[in-house]
C-alpha atoms as a PDB file:
ATOM      1  CA  MET A   1     -16.315 197.426 106.397  1.00  0.00           C
ATOM      2  CA  ARG A   2     -15.733 196.212 109.797  1.00  0.00           C
ATOM      3  CA  LYS A   3     -17.629 197.725 112.701  1.00  0.00           C
ATOM      4  CA  LYS A   4     -15.586 199.511 115.250  1.00  0.00           C
ATOM      5  CA  ILE A   5     -15.893 198.430 118.869  1.00  0.00           C
ATOM      6  CA  LEU A   6     -14.797 199.891 122.106  1.00  0.00           C
ATOM      7  CA  ILE A   7     -14.390 197.426 125.000  1.00  0.00           C
ATOM      8  CA  VAL A   8     -14.877 198.735 128.541  1.00  0.00           C
ATOM      9  CA  ASP A   9     -14.027 196.551 131.513  1.00  0.00           C
ATOM     10  CA  ASP A  10     -11.763 196.916 134.563  1.00  0.00           C
ATOM     11  CA  THR A  11     -10.354 193.388 134.468  1.00  0.00           C
ATOM     12  CA  THR A  12      -7.876 192.253 131.694  1.00  0.00           C
ATOM     13  CA  PHE A  13      -9.483 188.773 131.593  1.00  0.00           C
ATOM     14  CA  MET A  14     -12.948 190.208 130.809  1.00  0.00           C
ATOM     15  CA  ARG A  15     -11.617 192.324 128.166  1.00  0.00           C
ATOM     16  CA  GLU A  16      -9.837 189.419 126.430  1.00  0.00           C
ATOM     17  CA  MET A  17     -12.832 187.091 126.742  1.00  0.00           C
ATOM     18  CA  LEU A  18     -14.789 189.689 124.792  1.00  0.00           C
ATOM     19  CA  LYS A  19     -12.257 190.335 122.156  1.00  0.00           C
ATOM     20  CA  ASN A  20     -11.945 186.546 121.599  1.00  0.00           C
ATOM     21  CA  ALA A  21     -15.657 186.227 120.968  1.00  0.00           C
ATOM     22  CA  LEU A  22     -15.558 188.689 118.209  1.00  0.00           C
ATOM     23  CA  ASP A  23     -14.740 187.662 114.434  1.00  0.00           C
ATOM     24  CA  PRO A  24     -11.831 190.039 113.668  1.00  0.00           C
ATOM     25  CA  GLU A  25     -13.203 189.884 110.105  1.00  0.00           C
ATOM     26  CA  LYS A  26     -16.205 191.361 111.144  1.00  0.00           C
ATOM     27  CA  TYR A  27     -15.259 193.620 114.104  1.00  0.00           C
ATOM     28  CA  GLN A  28     -12.458 195.765 114.829  1.00  0.00           C
ATOM     29  CA  ILE A  29     -11.598 196.606 118.257  1.00  0.00           C
ATOM     30  CA  ILE A  30     -10.667 200.168 118.317  1.00  0.00           C
ATOM     31  CA  GLY A  31      -9.810 200.628 122.110  1.00  0.00           C
ATOM     32  CA  GLU A  32     -10.075 199.264 125.711  1.00  0.00           C
ATOM     33  CA  ALA A  33     -10.971 201.295 128.589  1.00  0.00           C
ATOM     34  CA  LEU A  34     -10.478 200.184 132.258  1.00  0.00           C
ATOM     35  CA  ASN A  35     -12.983 202.694 133.635  1.00  0.00           C
ATOM     36  CA  GLY A  36     -15.747 204.896 132.774  1.00  0.00           C
ATOM     37  CA  GLU A  37     -13.678 208.237 132.543  1.00  0.00           C
ATOM     38  CA  GLN A  38     -11.270 206.473 129.960  1.00  0.00           C
ATOM     39  CA  ALA A  39     -14.469 205.101 128.224  1.00  0.00           C
ATOM     40  CA  VAL A  40     -16.084 208.648 127.836  1.00  0.00           C
ATOM     41  CA  ALA A  41     -12.755 210.045 126.486  1.00  0.00           C
ATOM     42  CA  GLN A  42     -12.220 207.223 124.067  1.00  0.00           C
ATOM     43  CA  PHE A  43     -15.810 207.327 122.813  1.00  0.00           C
ATOM     44  CA  LYS A  44     -15.484 211.034 121.981  1.00  0.00           C
ATOM     45  CA  GLU A  45     -12.069 210.492 120.382  1.00  0.00           C
ATOM     46  CA  LYS A  46     -12.573 207.096 118.297  1.00  0.00           C
ATOM     47  CA  ASP A  47     -16.600 207.405 117.644  1.00  0.00           C
ATOM     48  CA  PRO A  48     -17.128 203.573 117.970  1.00  0.00           C
ATOM     49  CA  ASP A  49     -20.016 201.761 116.314  1.00  0.00           C
ATOM     50  CA  LEU A  50     -20.556 199.968 119.469  1.00  0.00           C
ATOM     51  CA  VAL A  51     -19.592 200.053 123.113  1.00  0.00           C
ATOM     52  CA  ILE A  52     -19.588 196.944 125.439  1.00  0.00           C
ATOM     53  CA  LEU A  53     -19.511 198.262 128.970  1.00  0.00           C
ATOM     54  CA  ASP A  54     -19.154 196.641 132.234  1.00  0.00           C
ATOM     55  CA  ILE A  55     -21.644 198.043 135.041  1.00  0.00           C
ATOM     56  CA  ASN A  56     -19.284 197.703 137.995  1.00  0.00           C
ATOM     57  CA  MET A  57     -16.238 199.735 137.567  1.00  0.00           C
ATOM     58  CA  PRO A  58     -13.893 202.032 139.558  1.00  0.00           C
ATOM     59  CA  LYS A  59     -13.781 205.836 139.132  1.00  0.00           C
ATOM     60  CA  LYS A  60     -17.076 205.931 137.339  1.00  0.00           C
ATOM     61  CA  ASN A  61     -19.641 202.981 137.034  1.00  0.00           C
ATOM     62  CA  GLY A  62     -21.187 201.840 134.086  1.00  0.00           C
ATOM     63  CA  ILE A  63     -24.578 203.526 134.460  1.00  0.00           C
ATOM     64  CA  ASP A  64     -22.891 206.991 134.809  1.00  0.00           C
ATOM     65  CA  THR A  65     -20.666 206.419 131.839  1.00  0.00           C
ATOM     66  CA  LEU A  66     -23.800 205.235 129.715  1.00  0.00           C
ATOM     67  CA  SER A  67     -25.515 208.540 130.635  1.00  0.00           C
ATOM     68  CA  GLU A  68     -22.457 210.606 129.573  1.00  0.00           C
ATOM     69  CA  ILE A  69     -22.135 208.516 126.263  1.00  0.00           C
ATOM     70  CA  MET A  70     -25.590 209.024 125.512  1.00  0.00           C
ATOM     71  CA  GLU A  71     -25.231 212.717 125.984  1.00  0.00           C
ATOM     72  CA  VAL A  72     -22.534 212.655 123.519  1.00  0.00           C
ATOM     73  CA  ASN A  73     -24.430 210.684 120.985  1.00  0.00           C
ATOM     74  CA  PRO A  74     -27.993 209.924 121.792  1.00  0.00           C
ATOM     75  CA  LYS A  75     -27.925 206.958 119.081  1.00  0.00           C
ATOM     76  CA  ALA A  76     -24.905 205.285 120.584  1.00  0.00           C
ATOM     77  CA  ASN A  77     -24.953 201.535 120.492  1.00  0.00           C
ATOM     78  CA  VAL A  78     -24.057 200.163 123.948  1.00  0.00           C
ATOM     79  CA  ILE A  79     -24.287 196.544 125.427  1.00  0.00           C
ATOM     80  CA  MET A  80     -24.126 196.469 129.154  1.00  0.00           C
ATOM     81  CA  CYS A  81     -22.196 193.671 130.811  1.00  0.00           C
ATOM     82  CA  SER A  82     -22.856 192.664 134.388  1.00  0.00           C
ATOM     83  CA  ASP A  83     -23.449 189.711 136.706  1.00  0.00           C
ATOM     84  CA  GLN A  84     -27.080 188.841 138.002  1.00  0.00           C
ATOM     85  CA  LYS A  85     -26.755 190.575 141.204  1.00  0.00           C
ATOM     86  CA  TYR A  86     -26.943 193.864 139.169  1.00  0.00           C
ATOM     87  CA  ASP A  87     -30.420 193.169 137.863  1.00  0.00           C
ATOM     88  CA  ASN A  88     -31.776 196.649 138.822  1.00  0.00           C
ATOM     89  CA  MET A  89     -28.959 198.325 137.264  1.00  0.00           C
ATOM     90  CA  ILE A  90     -29.311 196.448 133.999  1.00  0.00           C
ATOM     91  CA  MET A  91     -32.983 197.812 133.959  1.00  0.00           C
ATOM     92  CA  MET A  92     -31.781 201.217 134.680  1.00  0.00           C
ATOM     93  CA  ALA A  93     -29.151 200.939 131.935  1.00  0.00           C
ATOM     94  CA  LEU A  94     -31.798 199.768 129.362  1.00  0.00           C
ATOM     95  CA  LYS A  95     -34.025 202.874 130.226  1.00  0.00           C
ATOM     96  CA  ARG A  96     -31.174 205.241 129.846  1.00  0.00           C
ATOM     97  CA  GLY A  97     -30.212 203.899 126.205  1.00  0.00           C
ATOM     98  CA  ALA A  98     -28.432 200.600 126.476  1.00  0.00           C
ATOM     99  CA  LYS A  99     -29.487 198.270 123.574  1.00  0.00           C
ATOM    100  CA  ASP A 100     -28.874 194.891 125.278  1.00  0.00           C
ATOM    101  CA  PHE A 101     -26.872 193.356 127.990  1.00  0.00           C
ATOM    102  CA  ILE A 102     -24.831 190.557 128.522  1.00  0.00           C
ATOM    103  CA  ILE A 103     -25.178 188.528 132.036  1.00  0.00           C
ATOM    104  CA  LYS A 104     -21.553 187.206 133.389  1.00  0.00           C
ATOM    105  CA  PRO A 105     -20.415 184.490 133.205  1.00  0.00           C
ATOM    106  CA  PHE A 106     -21.074 184.710 129.314  1.00  0.00           C
ATOM    107  CA  THR A 107     -20.013 182.560 126.396  1.00  0.00           C
ATOM    108  CA  ALA A 108     -18.734 183.776 123.136  1.00  0.00           C
ATOM    109  CA  THR A 109     -22.236 182.861 121.763  1.00  0.00           C
ATOM    110  CA  ASP A 110     -23.777 185.118 124.139  1.00  0.00           C
ATOM    111  CA  VAL A 111     -21.566 187.965 123.034  1.00  0.00           C
ATOM    112  CA  LEU A 112     -22.206 187.273 119.344  1.00  0.00           C
ATOM    113  CA  LYS A 113     -25.928 187.200 119.790  1.00  0.00           C
ATOM    114  CA  ALA A 114     -25.898 190.436 121.601  1.00  0.00           C
ATOM    115  CA  VAL A 115     -23.730 192.197 118.874  1.00  0.00           C
ATOM    116  CA  THR A 116     -25.477 190.737 116.088  1.00  0.00           C
ATOM    117  CA  LYS A 117     -28.731 191.844 117.548  1.00  0.00           C
ATOM    118  CA  VAL A 118     -27.683 195.453 117.943  1.00  0.00           C
ATOM    119  CA  PHE A 119     -26.198 195.617 114.399  1.00  0.00           C
ATOM    120  CA  GLY A 120     -29.398 193.871 112.930  1.00  0.00           C
ATOM    121  CA  GLU A 121     -27.075 191.117 111.550  1.00  0.00           C
ATOM    122  CA  ASP A 122     -27.849 187.412 110.881  1.00  0.00           C
ATOM    123  CA  GLU A 123     -25.950 185.151 113.324  1.00  0.00           C
END
């Protein structure tokens, strides 16, 4: 059974890169959100196995979104996505429950390593 993934990033380009990195035989993209408000609503509605969540977004940043997701489901699998200038926010996200992070610019291999690590799969 394919794992359900929600992708959250305010840029179409990044969402496409993340989708293209994931094997459609193993992973089903069940939703895309442009900001934290949409992410929390879709998380509640679609119950994904994993959320790939950008830190820097309009309306609600990734840290606040992560906190809300963890309130809904403290066992949620969330991978944060950010560039290196937000190192302190990545550490904060890990303390708040994120399982891993991907540094931009990333490769498909970086995405797959993080996803397989979270799901405990062999690469």
